[in-house]
Amino acid sequence: MERGKLYICATPIGNLGDITPRVLDVLRSADIIAAEDTRNSIKLLNHFDIKTPMTSYHEFNKYEKADELVEKILSGKNVAVITDAGTPCISDPGEELVKKCIEAGIEVTSLPGPSAVITALSLSGLSTGAFVFEGFLPPVKKKRERDKVLLRLKDEERTIILYEAPHRLKKTLCELRDLLGEGRRISLCRELTKKHEEIIRTSLGEAVDLEPRGEYVLCIEGKSSEELESERTAAYSDMDLWEHMNIYLSRGMDRKEAMKAVAKDRGVSKRDIYRELNKGE
């Protein structure tokens, strides 16, 4: 029996005109559409007059339903997976289903399209060459897990992208301000691709005073290399010079190599280190 196929279908994040003809073709021709919320997705299907049967596939049934869908695909059914908005698997259901399909030897293909992450980044005015996407931070009640993620972001040089719900926005912004500094630039994006799309480009110090008005995509400036270098230099400046040297000597470096490494750490010349080490000789 010929196996079916899994199609990962990106759907609009706001403007229905952003759906691609290819996604529409697959949604019409698939045997089943696995939707995050069938009540929400029926509006999309009705708008485009798509009659394909739907089944729910969401965060709370993703393991057992994935097994069911794999069986259907193995029996020859083609399944299209969609979320409420955007690209499945990106902070949305789909990841588990893709894994199980791959394990079962099922062909998986992705039909690209709207993504809140990329849309917000492109509008942010911040560096787009490299970025890190963290999705939603762990909930406040999971303090240890949340603090661990936030601490990891403290020295992040790439642009940081987060999702945040309106009722948690102020707390998250206050935490980010305290961690990253008031001057760090941030872009707050809401209602992306919709009529009332809003992009607020400001600093973390000013962002904490904003009134939440929906779910946001936050794009936060990464730490500059100058700031990192300054912090590293400051951290070593209070260390005894010979203690600093011994760190590198204990790693097998000779004296010349160790002096060069110490000079770099402290932001001074190797000649300065040599002179200081040889005082009184």
C-alpha atoms as a PDB file:
ATOM      1  CA  MET A   1       0.000   0.000   0.000  1.00  0.00           C
ATOM      2  CA  GLU A   2       1.306   3.438  -0.918  1.00  0.00           C
ATOM      3  CA  ARG A   3       1.901   5.731   2.024  1.00  0.00           C
ATOM      4  CA  GLY A   4       0.467   9.205   2.309  1.00  0.00           C
ATOM      5  CA  LYS A   5       2.410  12.358   3.059  1.00  0.00           C
ATOM      6  CA  LEU A   6       2.529  15.023   5.779  1.00  0.00           C
ATOM      7  CA  TYR A   7       2.234  18.647   4.661  1.00  0.00           C
ATOM      8  CA  ILE A   8       3.252  21.439   7.071  1.00  0.00           C
ATOM      9  CA  CYS A   9       1.118  24.361   5.918  1.00  0.00           C
ATOM     10  CA  ALA A  10       1.752  27.979   6.931  1.00  0.00           C
ATOM     11  CA  THR A  11      -1.434  30.031   7.280  1.00  0.00           C
ATOM     12  CA  PRO A  12      -1.933  33.808   7.602  1.00  0.00           C
ATOM     13  CA  ILE A  13      -0.999  35.530  10.854  1.00  0.00           C
ATOM     14  CA  GLY A  14      -3.600  38.214  10.183  1.00  0.00           C
ATOM     15  CA  ASN A  15      -4.168  39.152   6.570  1.00  0.00           C
ATOM     16  CA  LEU A  16      -5.922  36.315   4.706  1.00  0.00           C
ATOM     17  CA  GLY A  17      -4.377  37.549   1.467  1.00  0.00           C
ATOM     18  CA  ASP A  18      -1.024  36.175   2.638  1.00  0.00           C
ATOM     19  CA  ILE A  19      -2.010  32.542   2.141  1.00  0.00           C
ATOM     20  CA  THR A  20      -0.233  30.951  -0.822  1.00  0.00           C
ATOM     21  CA  PRO A  21      -1.942  29.206  -3.765  1.00  0.00           C
ATOM     22  CA  ARG A  22       0.110  26.095  -2.992  1.00  0.00           C
ATOM     23  CA  VAL A  23      -1.218  25.914   0.579  1.00  0.00           C
ATOM     24  CA  LEU A  24      -4.786  26.330  -0.699  1.00  0.00           C
ATOM     25  CA  ASP A  25      -4.266  23.499  -3.195  1.00  0.00           C
ATOM     26  CA  VAL A  26      -2.968  21.161  -0.480  1.00  0.00           C
ATOM     27  CA  LEU A  27      -5.732  22.054   1.978  1.00  0.00           C
ATOM     28  CA  ARG A  28      -8.307  21.255  -0.698  1.00  0.00           C
ATOM     29  CA  SER A  29      -6.702  18.009  -1.828  1.00  0.00           C
ATOM     30  CA  ALA A  30      -5.615  16.557   1.536  1.00  0.00           C
ATOM     31  CA  ASP A  31      -7.624  13.764   3.111  1.00  0.00           C
ATOM     32  CA  ILE A  32      -7.436  15.313   6.586  1.00  0.00           C
ATOM     33  CA  ILE A  33      -6.482  18.685   8.028  1.00  0.00           C
ATOM     34  CA  ALA A  34      -4.982  18.501  11.527  1.00  0.00           C
ATOM     35  CA  ALA A  35      -5.811  21.886  13.073  1.00  0.00           C
ATOM     36  CA  GLU A  36      -4.726  23.421  16.369  1.00  0.00           C
ATOM     37  CA  ASP A  37      -8.250  24.723  16.988  1.00  0.00           C
ATOM     38  CA  THR A  38     -10.940  23.535  14.588  1.00  0.00           C
ATOM     39  CA  ARG A  39     -13.269  26.356  15.741  1.00  0.00           C
ATOM     40  CA  ASN A  40     -10.727  28.917  14.638  1.00  0.00           C
ATOM     41  CA  SER A  41      -9.594  27.157  11.467  1.00  0.00           C
ATOM     42  CA  ILE A  42     -13.121  26.637  10.161  1.00  0.00           C
ATOM     43  CA  LYS A  43     -13.274  30.394   9.542  1.00  0.00           C
ATOM     44  CA  LEU A  44     -10.215  30.133   7.286  1.00  0.00           C
ATOM     45  CA  LEU A  45     -11.577  27.100   5.448  1.00  0.00           C
ATOM     46  CA  ASN A  46     -15.021  28.660   4.978  1.00  0.00           C
ATOM     47  CA  HIS A  47     -13.457  31.842   3.609  1.00  0.00           C
ATOM     48  CA  PHE A  48     -11.725  29.849   0.888  1.00  0.00           C
ATOM     49  CA  ASP A  49     -14.593  27.342   0.460  1.00  0.00           C
ATOM     50  CA  ILE A  50     -12.509  24.361   1.567  1.00  0.00           C
ATOM     51  CA  LYS A  51     -14.520  21.284   2.600  1.00  0.00           C
ATOM     52  CA  THR A  52     -11.699  18.954   3.736  1.00  0.00           C
ATOM     53  CA  PRO A  53     -12.470  17.204   7.062  1.00  0.00           C
ATOM     54  CA  MET A  54     -10.617  18.500  10.112  1.00  0.00           C
ATOM     55  CA  THR A  55      -9.379  16.883  13.295  1.00  0.00           C
ATOM     56  CA  SER A  56      -7.989  18.657  16.352  1.00  0.00           C
ATOM     57  CA  TYR A  57      -4.243  18.491  16.957  1.00  0.00           C
ATOM     58  CA  HIS A  58      -3.095  20.696  19.819  1.00  0.00           C
ATOM     59  CA  GLU A  59      -0.718  20.975  22.772  1.00  0.00           C
ATOM     60  CA  PHE A  60      -2.798  18.742  25.035  1.00  0.00           C
ATOM     61  CA  ASN A  61      -3.303  15.800  22.675  1.00  0.00           C
ATOM     62  CA  LYS A  62      -0.148  16.072  20.554  1.00  0.00           C
ATOM     63  CA  TYR A  63       1.310  12.690  21.530  1.00  0.00           C
ATOM     64  CA  GLU A  64      -1.680  10.370  21.192  1.00  0.00           C
ATOM     65  CA  LYS A  65      -3.123  12.260  18.211  1.00  0.00           C
ATOM     66  CA  ALA A  66       0.270  12.174  16.473  1.00  0.00           C
ATOM     67  CA  ASP A  67       0.203   8.374  16.719  1.00  0.00           C
ATOM     68  CA  GLU A  68      -3.293   8.308  15.183  1.00  0.00           C
ATOM     69  CA  LEU A  69      -2.272  10.582  12.330  1.00  0.00           C
ATOM     70  CA  VAL A  70       0.861   8.539  11.604  1.00  0.00           C
ATOM     71  CA  GLU A  71      -1.324   5.437  11.258  1.00  0.00           C
ATOM     72  CA  LYS A  72      -3.632   7.247   8.845  1.00  0.00           C
ATOM     73  CA  ILE A  73      -0.694   8.429   6.724  1.00  0.00           C
ATOM     74  CA  LEU A  74       0.776   4.929   6.685  1.00  0.00           C
ATOM     75  CA  SER A  75      -2.598   3.694   5.399  1.00  0.00           C
ATOM     76  CA  GLY A  76      -2.367   6.083   2.440  1.00  0.00           C
ATOM     77  CA  LYS A  77      -3.992   9.294   3.724  1.00  0.00           C
ATOM     78  CA  ASN A  78      -2.455  12.707   3.067  1.00  0.00           C
ATOM     79  CA  VAL A  79      -2.491  14.965   6.138  1.00  0.00           C
ATOM     80  CA  ALA A  80      -2.076  18.738   6.210  1.00  0.00           C
ATOM     81  CA  VAL A  81      -1.206  20.277   9.578  1.00  0.00           C
ATOM     82  CA  ILE A  82      -2.074  23.910  10.366  1.00  0.00           C
ATOM     83  CA  THR A  83      -2.046  26.112  13.452  1.00  0.00           C
ATOM     84  CA  ASP A  84      -4.228  29.052  14.423  1.00  0.00           C
ATOM     85  CA  ALA A  85      -1.810  31.356  12.623  1.00  0.00           C
ATOM     86  CA  GLY A  86       1.633  31.152  11.079  1.00  0.00           C
ATOM     87  CA  THR A  87       3.953  28.212  10.537  1.00  0.00           C
ATOM     88  CA  PRO A  88       3.352  24.955  12.450  1.00  0.00           C
ATOM     89  CA  CYS A  89       6.141  23.662  14.725  1.00  0.00           C
ATOM     90  CA  ILE A  90       7.379  27.197  15.563  1.00  0.00           C
ATOM     91  CA  SER A  91       6.069  27.651  19.139  1.00  0.00           C
ATOM     92  CA  ASP A  92       2.963  25.856  17.866  1.00  0.00           C
ATOM     93  CA  PRO A  93       1.888  22.203  17.587  1.00  0.00           C
ATOM     94  CA  GLY A  94       3.494  20.132  14.860  1.00  0.00           C
ATOM     95  CA  GLU A  95       6.965  19.275  16.132  1.00  0.00           C
ATOM     96  CA  GLU A  96       5.926  15.965  17.693  1.00  0.00           C
ATOM     97  CA  LEU A  97       3.981  14.894  14.609  1.00  0.00           C
ATOM     98  CA  VAL A  98       6.936  15.654  12.338  1.00  0.00           C
ATOM     99  CA  LYS A  99       9.268  13.610  14.555  1.00  0.00           C
ATOM    100  CA  LYS A 100       6.961  10.598  14.564  1.00  0.00           C
ATOM    101  CA  CYS A 101       6.449  10.776  10.797  1.00  0.00           C
ATOM    102  CA  ILE A 102      10.191  10.850  10.196  1.00  0.00           C
ATOM    103  CA  GLU A 103      10.673   7.887  12.534  1.00  0.00           C
ATOM    104  CA  ALA A 104       8.003   5.989  10.579  1.00  0.00           C
ATOM    105  CA  GLY A 105       9.681   6.737   7.252  1.00  0.00           C
ATOM    106  CA  ILE A 106       6.887   9.046   6.109  1.00  0.00           C
ATOM    107  CA  GLU A 107       7.683  11.838   3.681  1.00  0.00           C
ATOM    108  CA  VAL A 108       7.291  15.285   5.214  1.00  0.00           C
ATOM    109  CA  THR A 109       7.270  18.561   3.301  1.00  0.00           C
ATOM    110  CA  SER A 110       6.802  22.169   4.377  1.00  0.00           C
ATOM    111  CA  LEU A 111       4.817  24.772   2.466  1.00  0.00           C
ATOM    112  CA  PRO A 112       6.402  28.061   3.566  1.00  0.00           C
ATOM    113  CA  GLY A 113       4.480  31.208   4.264  1.00  0.00           C
ATOM    114  CA  PRO A 114       3.675  33.661   7.071  1.00  0.00           C
ATOM    115  CA  SER A 115       5.733  33.606  10.271  1.00  0.00           C
ATOM    116  CA  ALA A 116       5.375  36.132  13.079  1.00  0.00           C
ATOM    117  CA  VAL A 117       9.040  35.690  14.018  1.00  0.00           C
ATOM    118  CA  ILE A 118      10.452  36.673  10.633  1.00  0.00           C
ATOM    119  CA  THR A 119       7.823  39.364  10.005  1.00  0.00           C
ATOM    120  CA  ALA A 120       8.589  41.084  13.321  1.00  0.00           C
ATOM    121  CA  LEU A 121      12.352  40.802  12.865  1.00  0.00           C
ATOM    122  CA  SER A 122      12.226  42.354   9.417  1.00  0.00           C
ATOM    123  CA  LEU A 123      10.246  45.312  10.815  1.00  0.00           C
ATOM    124  CA  SER A 124      12.241  45.769  14.019  1.00  0.00           C
ATOM    125  CA  GLY A 125      15.049  47.966  12.751  1.00  0.00           C
ATOM    126  CA  LEU A 126      17.478  45.787  14.708  1.00  0.00           C
ATOM    127  CA  SER A 127      20.241  43.527  13.407  1.00  0.00           C
ATOM    128  CA  THR A 128      18.861  40.707  11.257  1.00  0.00           C
ATOM    129  CA  GLY A 129      22.141  38.951  10.432  1.00  0.00           C
ATOM    130  CA  ALA A 130      21.846  36.613  13.402  1.00  0.00           C
ATOM    131  CA  PHE A 131      19.038  36.134  15.895  1.00  0.00           C
ATOM    132  CA  VAL A 132      17.807  33.756  18.592  1.00  0.00           C
ATOM    133  CA  PHE A 133      14.143  32.821  19.013  1.00  0.00           C
ATOM    134  CA  GLU A 134      13.006  31.812  22.502  1.00  0.00           C
ATOM    135  CA  GLY A 135       9.235  31.698  21.947  1.00  0.00           C
ATOM    136  CA  PHE A 136       7.279  32.206  25.176  1.00  0.00           C
ATOM    137  CA  LEU A 137       9.362  32.420  28.341  1.00  0.00           C
ATOM    138  CA  PRO A 138       8.590  29.789  31.013  1.00  0.00           C
ATOM    139  CA  PRO A 139       5.661  30.898  33.205  1.00  0.00           C
ATOM    140  CA  VAL A 140       6.314  33.042  36.283  1.00  0.00           C
ATOM    141  CA  LYS A 141       5.387  30.181  38.622  1.00  0.00           C
ATOM    142  CA  LYS A 142       8.306  28.167  37.201  1.00  0.00           C
ATOM    143  CA  LYS A 143      10.778  30.688  38.586  1.00  0.00           C
ATOM    144  CA  ARG A 144      13.907  28.542  38.421  1.00  0.00           C
ATOM    145  CA  GLU A 145      13.301  27.586  34.800  1.00  0.00           C
ATOM    146  CA  ARG A 146      12.385  31.164  33.868  1.00  0.00           C
ATOM    147  CA  ASP A 147      15.451  32.627  35.600  1.00  0.00           C
ATOM    148  CA  LYS A 148      17.663  30.115  33.797  1.00  0.00           C
ATOM    149  CA  VAL A 149      16.404  31.247  30.387  1.00  0.00           C
ATOM    150  CA  LEU A 150      16.662  34.936  31.268  1.00  0.00           C
ATOM    151  CA  LEU A 151      20.221  34.504  32.546  1.00  0.00           C
ATOM    152  CA  ARG A 152      21.137  32.783  29.290  1.00  0.00           C
ATOM    153  CA  LEU A 153      19.958  35.886  27.415  1.00  0.00           C
ATOM    154  CA  LYS A 154      22.053  38.268  29.528  1.00  0.00           C
ATOM    155  CA  ASP A 155      25.164  38.001  27.348  1.00  0.00           C
ATOM    156  CA  GLU A 156      23.394  37.167  24.077  1.00  0.00           C
ATOM    157  CA  GLU A 157      24.926  39.142  21.200  1.00  0.00           C
ATOM    158  CA  ARG A 158      22.291  38.192  18.635  1.00  0.00           C
ATOM    159  CA  THR A 159      18.902  39.881  18.336  1.00  0.00           C
ATOM    160  CA  ILE A 160      16.504  38.170  20.756  1.00  0.00           C
ATOM    161  CA  ILE A 161      12.916  37.377  19.744  1.00  0.00           C
ATOM    162  CA  LEU A 162      10.211  36.484  22.271  1.00  0.00           C
ATOM    163  CA  TYR A 163       6.448  36.034  22.256  1.00  0.00           C
ATOM    164  CA  GLU A 164       4.474  37.498  25.139  1.00  0.00           C
ATOM    165  CA  ALA A 165       0.832  37.564  26.224  1.00  0.00           C
ATOM    166  CA  PRO A 166      -0.742  40.877  27.342  1.00  0.00           C
ATOM    167  CA  HIS A 167      -1.233  39.859  31.003  1.00  0.00           C
ATOM    168  CA  ARG A 168       2.479  39.013  31.387  1.00  0.00           C
ATOM    169  CA  LEU A 169       3.962  41.780  29.243  1.00  0.00           C
ATOM    170  CA  LYS A 170       4.756  44.322  31.970  1.00  0.00           C
ATOM    171  CA  LYS A 171       6.464  41.803  34.236  1.00  0.00           C
ATOM    172  CA  THR A 172       8.545  40.445  31.354  1.00  0.00           C
ATOM    173  CA  LEU A 173       9.577  43.926  30.264  1.00  0.00           C
ATOM    174  CA  CYS A 174      10.581  44.836  33.822  1.00  0.00           C
ATOM    175  CA  GLU A 175      12.674  41.671  34.106  1.00  0.00           C
ATOM    176  CA  LEU A 176      14.344  42.370  30.768  1.00  0.00           C
ATOM    177  CA  ARG A 177      15.052  45.981  31.734  1.00  0.00           C
ATOM    178  CA  ASP A 178      16.641  44.928  35.038  1.00  0.00           C
ATOM    179  CA  LEU A 179      18.685  42.229  33.299  1.00  0.00           C
ATOM    180  CA  LEU A 180      19.748  43.965  30.095  1.00  0.00           C
ATOM    181  CA  GLY A 181      19.656  47.644  31.034  1.00  0.00           C
ATOM    182  CA  GLU A 182      17.309  50.558  30.407  1.00  0.00           C
ATOM    183  CA  GLY A 183      19.043  51.660  27.240  1.00  0.00           C
ATOM    184  CA  ARG A 184      18.755  48.364  25.366  1.00  0.00           C
ATOM    185  CA  ARG A 185      16.651  48.840  22.236  1.00  0.00           C
ATOM    186  CA  ILE A 186      13.451  46.863  21.743  1.00  0.00           C
ATOM    187  CA  SER A 187      10.771  46.593  19.080  1.00  0.00           C
ATOM    188  CA  LEU A 188       7.279  45.594  20.213  1.00  0.00           C
ATOM    189  CA  CYS A 189       5.112  44.250  17.395  1.00  0.00           C
ATOM    190  CA  ARG A 190       1.376  43.548  17.510  1.00  0.00           C
ATOM    191  CA  GLU A 191      -1.451  42.934  15.046  1.00  0.00           C
ATOM    192  CA  LEU A 192       1.124  42.037  12.398  1.00  0.00           C
ATOM    193  CA  THR A 193      -0.180  42.203   8.788  1.00  0.00           C
ATOM    194  CA  LYS A 194      -3.575  43.449  10.057  1.00  0.00           C
ATOM    195  CA  LYS A 195      -5.231  46.820   9.519  1.00  0.00           C
ATOM    196  CA  HIS A 196      -4.091  48.132  12.908  1.00  0.00           C
ATOM    197  CA  GLU A 197      -0.556  46.762  12.781  1.00  0.00           C
ATOM    198  CA  GLU A 198       1.622  48.528  15.359  1.00  0.00           C
ATOM    199  CA  ILE A 199       5.405  48.539  15.727  1.00  0.00           C
ATOM    200  CA  ILE A 200       6.786  50.375  18.756  1.00  0.00           C
ATOM    201  CA  ARG A 201      10.549  50.945  18.556  1.00  0.00           C
ATOM    202  CA  THR A 202      11.880  52.186  21.870  1.00  0.00           C
ATOM    203  CA  SER A 203      14.160  51.308  24.819  1.00  0.00           C
ATOM    204  CA  LEU A 204      13.492  48.822  27.606  1.00  0.00           C
ATOM    205  CA  GLY A 205      13.471  51.720  30.055  1.00  0.00           C
ATOM    206  CA  GLU A 206      10.566  53.346  28.228  1.00  0.00           C
ATOM    207  CA  ALA A 207       8.806  50.131  27.179  1.00  0.00           C
ATOM    208  CA  VAL A 208       7.859  49.200  30.761  1.00  0.00           C
ATOM    209  CA  ASP A 209       5.395  52.129  30.844  1.00  0.00           C
ATOM    210  CA  LEU A 210       3.409  50.925  27.838  1.00  0.00           C
ATOM    211  CA  GLU A 211      -0.132  49.629  28.305  1.00  0.00           C
ATOM    212  CA  PRO A 212      -0.496  46.082  26.910  1.00  0.00           C
ATOM    213  CA  ARG A 213      -2.907  45.833  23.991  1.00  0.00           C
ATOM    214  CA  GLY A 214      -2.778  42.244  22.855  1.00  0.00           C
ATOM    215  CA  GLU A 215      -0.170  39.582  22.193  1.00  0.00           C
ATOM    216  CA  TYR A 216       3.258  40.879  21.206  1.00  0.00           C
ATOM    217  CA  VAL A 217       6.360  39.762  19.401  1.00  0.00           C
ATOM    218  CA  LEU A 218       9.345  41.317  21.165  1.00  0.00           C
ATOM    219  CA  CYS A 219      12.589  41.923  19.279  1.00  0.00           C
ATOM    220  CA  ILE A 220      15.395  42.924  21.629  1.00  0.00           C
ATOM    221  CA  GLU A 221      18.814  44.236  20.692  1.00  0.00           C
ATOM    222  CA  GLY A 222      21.685  41.889  21.533  1.00  0.00           C
ATOM    223  CA  LYS A 223      24.603  42.914  23.712  1.00  0.00           C
ATOM    224  CA  SER A 224      27.250  44.791  21.754  1.00  0.00           C
ATOM    225  CA  SER A 225      30.769  43.409  21.430  1.00  0.00           C
ATOM    226  CA  GLU A 226      32.043  46.660  22.995  1.00  0.00           C
ATOM    227  CA  GLU A 227      29.872  46.099  26.064  1.00  0.00           C
ATOM    228  CA  LEU A 228      31.014  42.489  26.370  1.00  0.00           C
ATOM    229  CA  GLU A 229      34.666  43.513  26.080  1.00  0.00           C
ATOM    230  CA  SER A 230      34.215  46.229  28.686  1.00  0.00           C
ATOM    231  CA  GLU A 231      32.606  43.783  31.128  1.00  0.00           C
ATOM    232  CA  ARG A 232      35.313  41.198  30.582  1.00  0.00           C
ATOM    233  CA  THR A 233      38.074  43.760  31.117  1.00  0.00           C
ATOM    234  CA  ALA A 234      36.389  45.000  34.303  1.00  0.00           C
ATOM    235  CA  ALA A 235      36.065  41.442  35.635  1.00  0.00           C
ATOM    236  CA  TYR A 236      39.828  40.839  35.284  1.00  0.00           C
ATOM    237  CA  SER A 237      41.033  44.247  36.432  1.00  0.00           C
ATOM    238  CA  ASP A 238      40.577  43.421  40.128  1.00  0.00           C
ATOM    239  CA  MET A 239      42.364  40.057  39.875  1.00  0.00           C
ATOM    240  CA  ASP A 240      45.951  39.786  41.054  1.00  0.00           C
ATOM    241  CA  LEU A 241      48.225  39.797  38.019  1.00  0.00           C
ATOM    242  CA  TRP A 242      50.160  36.661  38.980  1.00  0.00           C
ATOM    243  CA  GLU A 243      46.893  34.863  39.792  1.00  0.00           C
ATOM    244  CA  HIS A 244      45.703  35.798  36.326  1.00  0.00           C
ATOM    245  CA  MET A 245      48.950  34.574  34.757  1.00  0.00           C
ATOM    246  CA  ASN A 246      48.729  31.264  36.606  1.00  0.00           C
ATOM    247  CA  ILE A 247      45.354  30.547  35.031  1.00  0.00           C
ATOM    248  CA  TYR A 248      47.064  30.276  31.642  1.00  0.00           C
ATOM    249  CA  LEU A 249      50.343  28.802  32.869  1.00  0.00           C
ATOM    250  CA  SER A 250      48.381  25.959  34.491  1.00  0.00           C
ATOM    251  CA  ARG A 251      46.893  25.189  31.067  1.00  0.00           C
ATOM    252  CA  GLY A 252      50.323  24.516  29.638  1.00  0.00           C
ATOM    253  CA  MET A 253      51.009  27.921  28.057  1.00  0.00           C
ATOM    254  CA  ASP A 254      54.542  29.261  28.223  1.00  0.00           C
ATOM    255  CA  ARG A 255      55.169  32.634  29.901  1.00  0.00           C
ATOM    256  CA  LYS A 256      55.076  34.578  26.633  1.00  0.00           C
ATOM    257  CA  GLU A 257      51.755  33.086  25.533  1.00  0.00           C
ATOM    258  CA  ALA A 258      50.266  33.603  28.992  1.00  0.00           C
ATOM    259  CA  MET A 259      51.276  37.287  29.009  1.00  0.00           C
ATOM    260  CA  LYS A 260      49.649  37.758  25.616  1.00  0.00           C
ATOM    261  CA  ALA A 261      46.389  36.157  26.842  1.00  0.00           C
ATOM    262  CA  VAL A 262      46.397  38.215  30.055  1.00  0.00           C
ATOM    263  CA  ALA A 263      47.008  41.428  28.107  1.00  0.00           C
ATOM    264  CA  LYS A 264      44.028  40.669  25.877  1.00  0.00           C
ATOM    265  CA  ASP A 265      41.794  39.950  28.884  1.00  0.00           C
ATOM    266  CA  ARG A 266      42.745  43.223  30.547  1.00  0.00           C
ATOM    267  CA  GLY A 267      42.632  45.349  27.432  1.00  0.00           C
ATOM    268  CA  VAL A 268      46.272  46.447  27.693  1.00  0.00           C
ATOM    269  CA  SER A 269      49.464  45.773  25.759  1.00  0.00           C
ATOM    270  CA  LYS A 270      51.704  42.775  26.382  1.00  0.00           C
ATOM    271  CA  ARG A 271      54.508  45.277  27.142  1.00  0.00           C
ATOM    272  CA  ASP A 272      52.438  46.664  30.051  1.00  0.00           C
ATOM    273  CA  ILE A 273      52.005  43.162  31.470  1.00  0.00           C
ATOM    274  CA  TYR A 274      55.729  42.406  31.081  1.00  0.00           C
ATOM    275  CA  ARG A 275      56.662  45.655  32.835  1.00  0.00           C
ATOM    276  CA  GLU A 276      54.292  45.011  35.742  1.00  0.00           C
ATOM    277  CA  LEU A 277      55.434  41.434  36.240  1.00  0.00           C
ATOM    278  CA  ASN A 278      59.082  42.462  36.290  1.00  0.00           C
ATOM    279  CA  LYS A 279      58.766  45.322  38.750  1.00  0.00           C
ATOM    280  CA  GLY A 280      61.454  45.189  41.408  1.00  0.00           C
ATOM    281  CA  GLU A 281      63.594  42.660  39.538  1.00  0.00           C
END
